[in-house]
Amino acid sequence: MSKHTPGPWFALPGHSHIGFIDILSGIEAVAQVTQSDNVPTDQDLANANLIAAAPDLLDALKDAYPHIGDDALRARIGAVICNAEGV
């Protein structure tokens, strides 16, 4: 079982630190992707959105894993799941 902060996560728009990824319960920051206090770049925003989707992506991979028939793809996805869970 993963020990990461449970989702859902979201990128907080309109905030001075848009790069923060926050948990909906209590707006607790789990990551900051901005390089400074300046306005975030397009890359910062893209990184924030990707990180915010991580819990959902991991859940989807876990759901799909037992249904994958291609051995190479199954091994690749299994490795990604292990990497995400620090195994």
Protein backbone atom coordinates (compact mmCIF):
# COMPACT_ATOMS: atom_id res chain seq x y z
CA MET A 1 0.00 0.00 0.00
CA SER A 2 1.21 3.45 -0.90
CA LYS A 3 2.13 5.81 1.92
CA HIS A 4 1.72 9.02 -0.08
CA THR A 5 -0.66 11.77 0.93
CA PRO A 6 -4.06 10.66 -0.31
CA GLY A 7 -5.73 12.59 -3.11
CA PRO A 8 -7.51 14.24 -4.60
CA TRP A 9 -4.86 16.85 -5.30
CA PHE A 10 -5.28 19.99 -7.40
CA ALA A 11 -3.19 22.83 -8.71
CA LEU A 12 -4.26 25.98 -6.86
CA PRO A 13 -4.98 28.64 -9.50
CA GLY A 14 -5.01 32.35 -8.76
CA HIS A 15 -2.72 31.98 -5.76
CA SER A 16 0.61 33.74 -5.43
CA HIS A 17 2.18 30.27 -5.39
CA ILE A 18 0.22 28.55 -8.12
CA GLY A 19 2.88 25.87 -8.15
CA PHE A 20 1.57 24.45 -4.89
CA ILE A 21 -0.32 21.18 -5.14
CA ASP A 22 -2.84 21.15 -2.31
CA ILE A 23 -5.05 18.54 -0.69
CA LEU A 24 -8.73 19.45 -0.79
CA SER A 25 -9.14 18.77 2.92
CA GLY A 26 -7.59 21.77 4.59
CA ILE A 27 -5.58 23.14 1.65
CA GLU A 28 -2.35 21.53 2.78
CA ALA A 29 0.60 21.86 0.42
CA VAL A 30 2.20 18.60 -0.66
CA ALA A 31 4.50 20.06 -3.34
CA GLN A 32 5.79 23.34 -4.73
CA VAL A 33 6.96 23.51 -8.30
CA THR A 34 7.69 27.21 -8.78
CA GLN A 35 11.29 28.35 -8.89
CA SER A 36 10.64 31.65 -7.10
CA ASP A 37 7.91 33.96 -5.81
CA ASN A 38 7.45 35.33 -9.31
CA VAL A 39 4.53 34.51 -11.56
CA PRO A 40 4.77 30.82 -12.46
CA THR A 41 5.85 29.89 -15.97
CA ASP A 42 3.84 27.74 -18.36
CA GLN A 43 6.20 24.90 -17.46
CA ASP A 44 5.51 25.42 -13.73
CA LEU A 45 1.76 25.21 -14.41
CA ALA A 46 2.16 22.08 -16.54
CA ASN A 47 4.29 20.44 -13.84
CA ALA A 48 1.72 21.36 -11.18
CA ASN A 49 -1.09 19.79 -13.21
CA LEU A 50 0.92 16.61 -13.82
CA ILE A 51 1.80 16.28 -10.13
CA ALA A 52 -1.81 16.97 -9.13
CA ALA A 53 -2.95 14.09 -11.37
CA ALA A 54 -0.43 11.63 -9.87
CA PRO A 55 -2.76 9.92 -7.34
CA ASP A 56 -5.42 9.39 -10.03
CA LEU A 57 -2.83 8.16 -12.51
CA LEU A 58 -1.46 5.67 -9.98
CA ASP A 59 -4.96 4.39 -9.16
CA ALA A 60 -5.76 3.97 -12.87
CA LEU A 61 -2.53 2.03 -13.47
CA LYS A 62 -3.28 -0.25 -10.53
CA ASP A 63 -6.81 -0.87 -11.86
CA ALA A 64 -5.55 -1.59 -15.38
CA TYR A 65 -2.56 -3.75 -14.39
CA PRO A 66 -4.37 -7.10 -13.97
CA HIS A 67 -6.07 -6.67 -17.36
CA ILE A 68 -2.93 -6.05 -19.42
CA GLY A 69 -2.14 -8.94 -21.75
CA ASP A 70 1.06 -7.58 -23.31
CA ASP A 71 3.93 -8.86 -21.13
CA ALA A 72 6.29 -5.98 -21.96
CA LEU A 73 3.66 -3.35 -21.24
CA ARG A 74 2.60 -5.14 -18.05
CA ALA A 75 6.23 -5.19 -16.85
CA ARG A 76 6.65 -1.51 -17.69
CA ILE A 77 3.50 -0.51 -15.84
CA GLY A 78 4.42 -2.75 -12.90
CA ALA A 79 7.78 -1.00 -12.69
CA VAL A 80 6.10 2.43 -12.74
CA ILE A 81 3.74 1.39 -9.93
CA CYS A 82 6.66 0.11 -7.85
CA ASN A 83 8.62 3.29 -8.51
CA ALA A 84 5.66 5.48 -7.49
CA GLU A 85 5.28 3.48 -4.26
CA GLY A 86 8.99 3.43 -3.49
CA VAL A 87 9.21 -0.35 -3.73
